[in-house]
PDB file of all heavy atoms in Angstrom:
ATOM      1  N   VAL A   1       0.844  -1.192   0.000  1.00  0.00           N
ATOM      2  CA  VAL A   1       0.000   0.000   0.000  1.00  0.00           C
ATOM      3  C   VAL A   1       0.881   1.244   0.000  1.00  0.00           C
ATOM      4  O   VAL A   1       2.091   1.161   0.190  1.00  0.00           O
ATOM      5  CB  VAL A   1      -0.960   0.024   1.217  1.00  0.00           C
ATOM      6  CG1 VAL A   1      -1.934  -1.137   1.165  1.00  0.00           C
ATOM      7  CG2 VAL A   1      -0.186   0.008   2.523  1.00  0.00           C
ATOM      8  N   LYS A   2       0.260   2.383  -0.226  1.00  0.00           N
ATOM      9  CA  LYS A   2       0.961   3.660  -0.142  1.00  0.00           C
ATOM     10  C   LYS A   2       0.153   4.582   0.743  1.00  0.00           C
ATOM     11  O   LYS A   2      -1.070   4.519   0.753  1.00  0.00           O
ATOM     12  CB  LYS A   2       1.111   4.302  -1.523  1.00  0.00           C
ATOM     13  CG  LYS A   2       2.035   3.547  -2.435  1.00  0.00           C
ATOM     14  CD  LYS A   2       2.195   4.267  -3.738  1.00  0.00           C
ATOM     15  CE  LYS A   2       3.154   3.500  -4.626  1.00  0.00           C
ATOM     16  NZ  LYS A   2       3.480   4.248  -5.834  1.00  0.00           N
ATOM     17  N   GLY A   3       0.828   5.431   1.490  1.00  0.00           N
ATOM     18  CA  GLY A   3       0.120   6.350   2.359  1.00  0.00           C
ATOM     19  C   GLY A   3       1.074   7.325   3.012  1.00  0.00           C
ATOM     20  O   GLY A   3       2.274   7.316   2.752  1.00  0.00           O
ATOM     21  N   PHE A   4       0.500   8.158   3.866  1.00  0.00           N
ATOM     22  CA  PHE A   4       1.328   9.079   4.632  1.00  0.00           C
ATOM     23  C   PHE A   4       0.648   9.363   5.947  1.00  0.00           C
ATOM     24  O   PHE A   4      -0.553   9.224   6.096  1.00  0.00           O
ATOM     25  CB  PHE A   4       1.603  10.388   3.874  1.00  0.00           C
ATOM     26  CG  PHE A   4       0.403  11.275   3.720  1.00  0.00           C
ATOM     27  CD1 PHE A   4       0.123  12.244   4.675  1.00  0.00           C
ATOM     28  CD2 PHE A   4      -0.433  11.142   2.642  1.00  0.00           C
ATOM     29  CE1 PHE A   4      -0.975  13.070   4.541  1.00  0.00           C
ATOM     30  CE2 PHE A   4      -1.534  11.958   2.498  1.00  0.00           C
ATOM     31  CZ  PHE A   4      -1.812  12.924   3.448  1.00  0.00           C
ATOM     32  N   GLY A   5       1.448   9.749   6.909  1.00  0.00           N
ATOM     33  CA  GLY A   5       0.959  10.143   8.221  1.00  0.00           C
ATOM     34  C   GLY A   5       1.665  11.415   8.601  1.00  0.00           C
ATOM     35  O   GLY A   5       1.733  12.356   7.820  1.00  0.00           O
ATOM     36  N   ARG A   6       2.261  11.407   9.764  1.00  0.00           N
ATOM     37  CA  ARG A   6       2.999  12.593  10.201  1.00  0.00           C
ATOM     38  C   ARG A   6       4.226  12.869   9.345  1.00  0.00           C
ATOM     39  O   ARG A   6       4.709  13.984   9.298  1.00  0.00           O
ATOM     40  CB  ARG A   6       3.423  12.427  11.656  1.00  0.00           C
ATOM     41  CG  ARG A   6       2.265  12.504  12.606  1.00  0.00           C
ATOM     42  CD  ARG A   6       2.737  12.485  14.034  1.00  0.00           C
ATOM     43  NE  ARG A   6       1.589  12.506  14.926  1.00  0.00           N
ATOM     44  CZ  ARG A   6       1.652  12.163  16.180  1.00  0.00           C
ATOM     45  NH1 ARG A   6       2.787  11.768  16.718  1.00  0.00           N
ATOM     46  NH2 ARG A   6       0.576  12.204  16.930  1.00  0.00           N
ATOM     47  N   GLN A   7       4.721  11.839   8.670  1.00  0.00           N
ATOM     48  CA  GLN A   7       5.883  12.015   7.807  1.00  0.00           C
ATOM     49  C   GLN A   7       5.609  13.009   6.689  1.00  0.00           C
ATOM     50  O   GLN A   7       6.504  13.700   6.246  1.00  0.00           O
ATOM     51  CB  GLN A   7       6.258  10.683   7.143  1.00  0.00           C
ATOM     52  CG  GLN A   7       7.135   9.806   7.978  1.00  0.00           C
ATOM     53  CD  GLN A   7       7.419   8.530   7.219  1.00  0.00           C
ATOM     54  OE1 GLN A   7       6.541   7.687   7.099  1.00  0.00           O
ATOM     55  NE2 GLN A   7       8.613   8.378   6.735  1.00  0.00           N
ATOM     56  N   LYS A   8       4.401  13.031   6.193  1.00  0.00           N
ATOM     57  CA  LYS A   8       3.995  13.899   5.085  1.00  0.00           C
ATOM     58  C   LYS A   8       4.835  13.675   3.829  1.00  0.00           C
ATOM     59  O   LYS A   8       5.047  14.583   3.042  1.00  0.00           O
ATOM     60  CB  LYS A   8       4.089  15.374   5.478  1.00  0.00           C
ATOM     61  CG  LYS A   8       3.304  15.743   6.702  1.00  0.00           C
ATOM     62  CD  LYS A   8       1.859  15.990   6.353  1.00  0.00           C
ATOM     63  CE  LYS A   8       1.135  16.689   7.468  1.00  0.00           C
ATOM     64  NZ  LYS A   8       0.358  15.859   8.303  1.00  0.00           N
ATOM     65  N   GLY A   9       5.336  12.471   3.625  1.00  0.00           N
ATOM     66  CA  GLY A   9       6.147  12.193   2.446  1.00  0.00           C
ATOM     67  C   GLY A   9       7.561  12.709   2.622  1.00  0.00           C
ATOM     68  O   GLY A   9       7.995  13.034   3.714  1.00  0.00           O
ATOM     69  N   HIS A  10       8.280  12.788   1.512  1.00  0.00           N
ATOM     70  CA  HIS A  10       9.646  13.307   1.549  1.00  0.00           C
ATOM     71  C   HIS A  10      10.037  13.782   0.156  1.00  0.00           C
ATOM     72  O   HIS A  10       9.334  13.541  -0.810  1.00  0.00           O
ATOM     73  CB  HIS A  10      10.619  12.245   2.066  1.00  0.00           C
ATOM     74  CG  HIS A  10      10.751  11.052   1.168  1.00  0.00           C
ATOM     75  ND1 HIS A  10       9.877  10.003   1.190  1.00  0.00           N
ATOM     76  CD2 HIS A  10      11.651  10.762   0.209  1.00  0.00           C
ATOM     77  CE1 HIS A  10      10.224   9.105   0.285  1.00  0.00           C
ATOM     78  NE2 HIS A  10      11.308   9.541  -0.329  1.00  0.00           N
ATOM     79  N   THR A  11      11.169  14.457   0.057  1.00  0.00           N
ATOM     80  CA  THR A  11      11.649  14.924  -1.239  1.00  0.00           C
ATOM     81  C   THR A  11      12.790  14.028  -1.707  1.00  0.00           C
ATOM     82  O   THR A  11      13.553  13.490  -0.898  1.00  0.00           O
ATOM     83  CB  THR A  11      12.147  16.387  -1.166  1.00  0.00           C
ATOM     84  OG1 THR A  11      13.177  16.463  -0.192  1.00  0.00           O
ATOM     85  CG2 THR A  11      11.033  17.332  -0.794  1.00  0.00           C
ATOM     86  N   GLU A  12      12.870  13.836  -3.020  1.00  0.00           N
ATOM     87  CA  GLU A  12      13.936  13.050  -3.614  1.00  0.00           C
ATOM     88  C   GLU A  12      14.543  13.840  -4.766  1.00  0.00           C
ATOM     89  O   GLU A  12      13.912  14.739  -5.319  1.00  0.00           O
ATOM     90  CB  GLU A  12      13.402  11.709  -4.128  1.00  0.00           C
ATOM     91  CG  GLU A  12      13.035  10.751  -3.020  1.00  0.00           C
ATOM     92  CD  GLU A  12      12.714   9.357  -3.532  1.00  0.00           C
ATOM     93  OE1 GLU A  12      12.815   9.111  -4.752  1.00  0.00           O
ATOM     94  OE2 GLU A  12      12.353   8.513  -2.704  1.00  0.00           O
ATOM     95  N   LEU A  13      15.742  13.451  -5.120  1.00  0.00           N
ATOM     96  CA  LEU A  13      16.442  14.094  -6.215  1.00  0.00           C
ATOM     97  C   LEU A  13      16.539  13.097  -7.365  1.00  0.00           C
ATOM     98  O   LEU A  13      16.989  11.964  -7.184  1.00  0.00           O
ATOM     99  CB  LEU A  13      17.841  14.508  -5.746  1.00  0.00           C
ATOM    100  CG  LEU A  13      18.603  15.497  -6.584  1.00  0.00           C
ATOM    101  CD1 LEU A  13      17.834  16.823  -6.658  1.00  0.00           C
ATOM    102  CD2 LEU A  13      19.974  15.738  -5.992  1.00  0.00           C
ATOM    103  N   TYR A  14      16.078  13.480  -8.564  1.00  0.00           N
ATOM    104  CA  TYR A  14      16.132  12.616  -9.727  1.00  0.00           C
ATOM    105  C   TYR A  14      16.638  13.418 -10.916  1.00  0.00           C
ATOM    106  O   TYR A  14      16.012  14.397 -11.319  1.00  0.00           O
ATOM    107  CB  TYR A  14      14.755  12.019 -10.026  1.00  0.00           C
ATOM    108  CG  TYR A  14      14.729  11.121 -11.231  1.00  0.00           C
ATOM    109  CD1 TYR A  14      15.346   9.869 -11.193  1.00  0.00           C
ATOM    110  CD2 TYR A  14      14.120  11.525 -12.408  1.00  0.00           C
ATOM    111  CE1 TYR A  14      15.333   9.041 -12.294  1.00  0.00           C
ATOM    112  CE2 TYR A  14      14.104  10.699 -13.523  1.00  0.00           C
ATOM    113  CZ  TYR A  14      14.713   9.455 -13.453  1.00  0.00           C
ATOM    114  OH  TYR A  14      14.714   8.632 -14.560  1.00  0.00           O
ATOM    115  N   ARG A  15      17.781  13.039 -11.443  1.00  0.00           N
ATOM    116  CA  ARG A  15      18.410  13.726 -12.568  1.00  0.00           C
ATOM    117  C   ARG A  15      18.521  15.227 -12.336  1.00  0.00           C
ATOM    118  O   ARG A  15      18.193  16.035 -13.192  1.00  0.00           O
ATOM    119  CB  ARG A  15      17.662  13.438 -13.863  1.00  0.00           C
ATOM    120  CG  ARG A  15      17.773  11.996 -14.286  1.00  0.00           C
ATOM    121  CD  ARG A  15      17.230  11.795 -15.654  1.00  0.00           C
ATOM    122  NE  ARG A  15      17.405  10.400 -16.045  1.00  0.00           N
ATOM    123  CZ  ARG A  15      17.033   9.909 -17.200  1.00  0.00           C
ATOM    124  NH1 ARG A  15      16.484  10.691 -18.107  1.00  0.00           N
ATOM    125  NH2 ARG A  15      17.218   8.648 -17.467  1.00  0.00           N
ATOM    126  N   GLY A  16      18.922  15.564 -11.142  1.00  0.00           N
ATOM    127  CA  GLY A  16      19.144  16.961 -10.807  1.00  0.00           C
ATOM    128  C   GLY A  16      17.912  17.746 -10.422  1.00  0.00           C
ATOM    129  O   GLY A  16      17.995  18.884  -9.991  1.00  0.00           O
ATOM    130  N   ALA A  17      16.736  17.142 -10.557  1.00  0.00           N
ATOM    131  CA  ALA A  17      15.495  17.838 -10.205  1.00  0.00           C
ATOM    132  C   ALA A  17      14.953  17.269  -8.896  1.00  0.00           C
ATOM    133  O   ALA A  17      14.949  16.053  -8.686  1.00  0.00           O
ATOM    134  CB  ALA A  17      14.453  17.675 -11.306  1.00  0.00           C
ATOM    135  N   GLU A  18      14.504  18.149  -8.036  1.00  0.00           N
ATOM    136  CA  GLU A  18      13.941  17.733  -6.761  1.00  0.00           C
ATOM    137  C   GLU A  18      12.430  17.585  -6.914  1.00  0.00           C
ATOM    138  O   GLU A  18      11.777  18.421  -7.537  1.00  0.00           O
ATOM    139  CB  GLU A  18      14.251  18.787  -5.696  1.00  0.00           C
ATOM    140  CG  GLU A  18      13.943  18.324  -4.291  1.00  0.00           C
ATOM    141  CD  GLU A  18      14.416  19.331  -3.251  1.00  0.00           C
ATOM    142  OE1 GLU A  18      15.599  19.300  -2.887  1.00  0.00           O
ATOM    143  OE2 GLU A  18      13.576  20.147  -2.834  1.00  0.00           O
ATOM    144  N   TYR A  19      11.886  16.497  -6.406  1.00  0.00           N
ATOM    145  CA  TYR A  19      10.436  16.322  -6.444  1.00  0.00           C
ATOM    146  C   TYR A  19       9.956  15.721  -5.128  1.00  0.00           C
ATOM    147  O   TYR A  19      10.723  15.112  -4.389  1.00  0.00           O
ATOM    148  CB  TYR A  19       9.996  15.474  -7.642  1.00  0.00           C
ATOM    149  CG  TYR A  19      10.470  14.044  -7.610  1.00  0.00           C
ATOM    150  CD1 TYR A  19       9.622  13.029  -7.174  1.00  0.00           C
ATOM    151  CD2 TYR A  19      11.747  13.697  -8.011  1.00  0.00           C
ATOM    152  CE1 TYR A  19      10.044  11.712  -7.143  1.00  0.00           C
ATOM    153  CE2 TYR A  19      12.185  12.387  -7.981  1.00  0.00           C
ATOM    154  CZ  TYR A  19      11.317  11.397  -7.555  1.00  0.00           C
ATOM    155  OH  TYR A  19      11.743  10.097  -7.528  1.00  0.00           O
ATOM    156  N   VAL A  20       8.669  15.915  -4.854  1.00  0.00           N
ATOM    157  CA  VAL A  20       8.078  15.487  -3.590  1.00  0.00           C
ATOM    158  C   VAL A  20       7.373  14.152  -3.778  1.00  0.00           C
ATOM    159  O   VAL A  20       6.596  13.983  -4.726  1.00  0.00           O
ATOM    160  CB  VAL A  20       7.071  16.543  -3.071  1.00  0.00           C
ATOM    161  CG1 VAL A  20       6.390  16.054  -1.802  1.00  0.00           C
ATOM    162  CG2 VAL A  20       7.772  17.866  -2.838  1.00  0.00           C
ATOM    163  N   VAL A  21       7.658  13.211  -2.898  1.00  0.00           N
ATOM    164  CA  VAL A  21       6.953  11.933  -2.866  1.00  0.00           C
ATOM    165  C   VAL A  21       5.916  12.044  -1.746  1.00  0.00           C
ATOM    166  O   VAL A  21       6.273  12.038  -0.570  1.00  0.00           O
ATOM    167  CB  VAL A  21       7.930  10.760  -2.601  1.00  0.00           C
ATOM    168  CG1 VAL A  21       7.175   9.444  -2.518  1.00  0.00           C
ATOM    169  CG2 VAL A  21       9.000  10.707  -3.684  1.00  0.00           C
ATOM    170  N   ASP A  22       4.646  12.209  -2.123  1.00  0.00           N
ATOM    171  CA  ASP A  22       3.586  12.405  -1.137  1.00  0.00           C
ATOM    172  C   ASP A  22       3.193  11.112  -0.430  1.00  0.00           C
ATOM    173  O   ASP A  22       2.910  11.113   0.761  1.00  0.00           O
ATOM    174  CB  ASP A  22       2.345  13.007  -1.789  1.00  0.00           C
ATOM    175  CG  ASP A  22       2.565  14.443  -2.235  1.00  0.00           C
ATOM    176  OD1 ASP A  22       3.342  15.147  -1.560  1.00  0.00           O
ATOM    177  OD2 ASP A  22       1.975  14.856  -3.243  1.00  0.00           O
ATOM    178  N   PHE A  23       3.132  10.026  -1.173  1.00  0.00           N
ATOM    179  CA  PHE A  23       2.717   8.751  -0.600  1.00  0.00           C
ATOM    180  C   PHE A  23       3.924   7.820  -0.515  1.00  0.00           C
ATOM    181  O   PHE A  23       4.612   7.589  -1.496  1.00  0.00           O
ATOM    182  CB  PHE A  23       1.625   8.102  -1.456  1.00  0.00           C
ATOM    183  CG  PHE A  23       0.335   8.843  -1.415  1.00  0.00           C
ATOM    184  CD1 PHE A  23       0.028   9.787  -2.379  1.00  0.00           C
ATOM    185  CD2 PHE A  23      -0.573   8.606  -0.397  1.00  0.00           C
ATOM    186  CE1 PHE A  23      -1.162  10.479  -2.336  1.00  0.00           C
ATOM    187  CE2 PHE A  23      -1.764   9.293  -0.341  1.00  0.00           C
ATOM    188  CZ  PHE A  23      -2.068  10.235  -1.314  1.00  0.00           C
ATOM    189  N   LEU A  24       4.149   7.297   0.683  1.00  0.00           N
ATOM    190  CA  LEU A  24       5.287   6.416   0.917  1.00  0.00           C
ATOM    191  C   LEU A  24       4.857   4.955   0.841  1.00  0.00           C
ATOM    192  O   LEU A  24       3.751   4.605   1.266  1.00  0.00           O
ATOM    193  CB  LEU A  24       5.887   6.705   2.293  1.00  0.00           C
ATOM    194  CG  LEU A  24       6.399   8.130   2.478  1.00  0.00           C
ATOM    195  CD1 LEU A  24       6.774   8.371   3.927  1.00  0.00           C
ATOM    196  CD2 LEU A  24       7.577   8.389   1.569  1.00  0.00           C
ATOM    197  N   PRO A  25       5.718   4.083   0.316  1.00  0.00           N
ATOM    198  CA  PRO A  25       5.362   2.661   0.249  1.00  0.00           C
ATOM    199  C   PRO A  25       5.335   2.042   1.650  1.00  0.00           C
ATOM    200  O   PRO A  25       6.223   2.279   2.455  1.00  0.00           O
ATOM    201  CB  PRO A  25       6.466   2.052  -0.607  1.00  0.00           C
ATOM    202  CG  PRO A  25       7.607   2.992  -0.487  1.00  0.00           C
ATOM    203  CD  PRO A  25       7.025   4.353  -0.244  1.00  0.00           C
ATOM    204  N   LYS A  26       4.300   1.274   1.902  1.00  0.00           N
ATOM    205  CA  LYS A  26       4.134   0.563   3.173  1.00  0.00           C
ATOM    206  C   LYS A  26       3.599  -0.827   2.875  1.00  0.00           C
ATOM    207  O   LYS A  26       3.213  -1.140   1.750  1.00  0.00           O
ATOM    208  CB  LYS A  26       3.132   1.289   4.094  1.00  0.00           C
ATOM    209  CG  LYS A  26       3.501   2.713   4.460  1.00  0.00           C
ATOM    210  CD  LYS A  26       4.645   2.773   5.422  1.00  0.00           C
ATOM    211  CE  LYS A  26       4.935   4.217   5.817  1.00  0.00           C
ATOM    212  NZ  LYS A  26       5.965   4.313   6.808  1.00  0.00           N
ATOM    213  N   VAL A  27       3.549  -1.672   3.893  1.00  0.00           N
ATOM    214  CA  VAL A  27       2.923  -2.987   3.801  1.00  0.00           C
ATOM    215  C   VAL A  27       1.808  -3.035   4.834  1.00  0.00           C
ATOM    216  O   VAL A  27       2.004  -2.634   5.984  1.00  0.00           O
ATOM    217  CB  VAL A  27       3.938  -4.127   4.046  1.00  0.00           C
ATOM    218  CG1 VAL A  27       3.238  -5.466   4.153  1.00  0.00           C
ATOM    219  CG2 VAL A  27       4.968  -4.157   2.938  1.00  0.00           C
ATOM    220  N   LYS A  28       0.642  -3.495   4.404  1.00  0.00           N
ATOM    221  CA  LYS A  28      -0.500  -3.640   5.314  1.00  0.00           C
ATOM    222  C   LYS A  28      -0.700  -5.130   5.583  1.00  0.00           C
ATOM    223  O   LYS A  28      -0.829  -5.926   4.652  1.00  0.00           O
ATOM    224  CB  LYS A  28      -1.756  -3.046   4.690  1.00  0.00           C
ATOM    225  CG  LYS A  28      -2.986  -3.221   5.542  1.00  0.00           C
ATOM    226  CD  LYS A  28      -4.197  -2.647   4.837  1.00  0.00           C
ATOM    227  CE  LYS A  28      -5.456  -2.973   5.583  1.00  0.00           C
ATOM    228  NZ  LYS A  28      -6.652  -2.596   4.827  1.00  0.00           N
TER     229      LYS A  28
END
């Protein structure tokens, strides 16, 4: 599953561009 809580996602760097990952991978 994917989701978010207090973490609110995170930012990643891909080919020099920064983007926000809103939903994080989890296992239910």
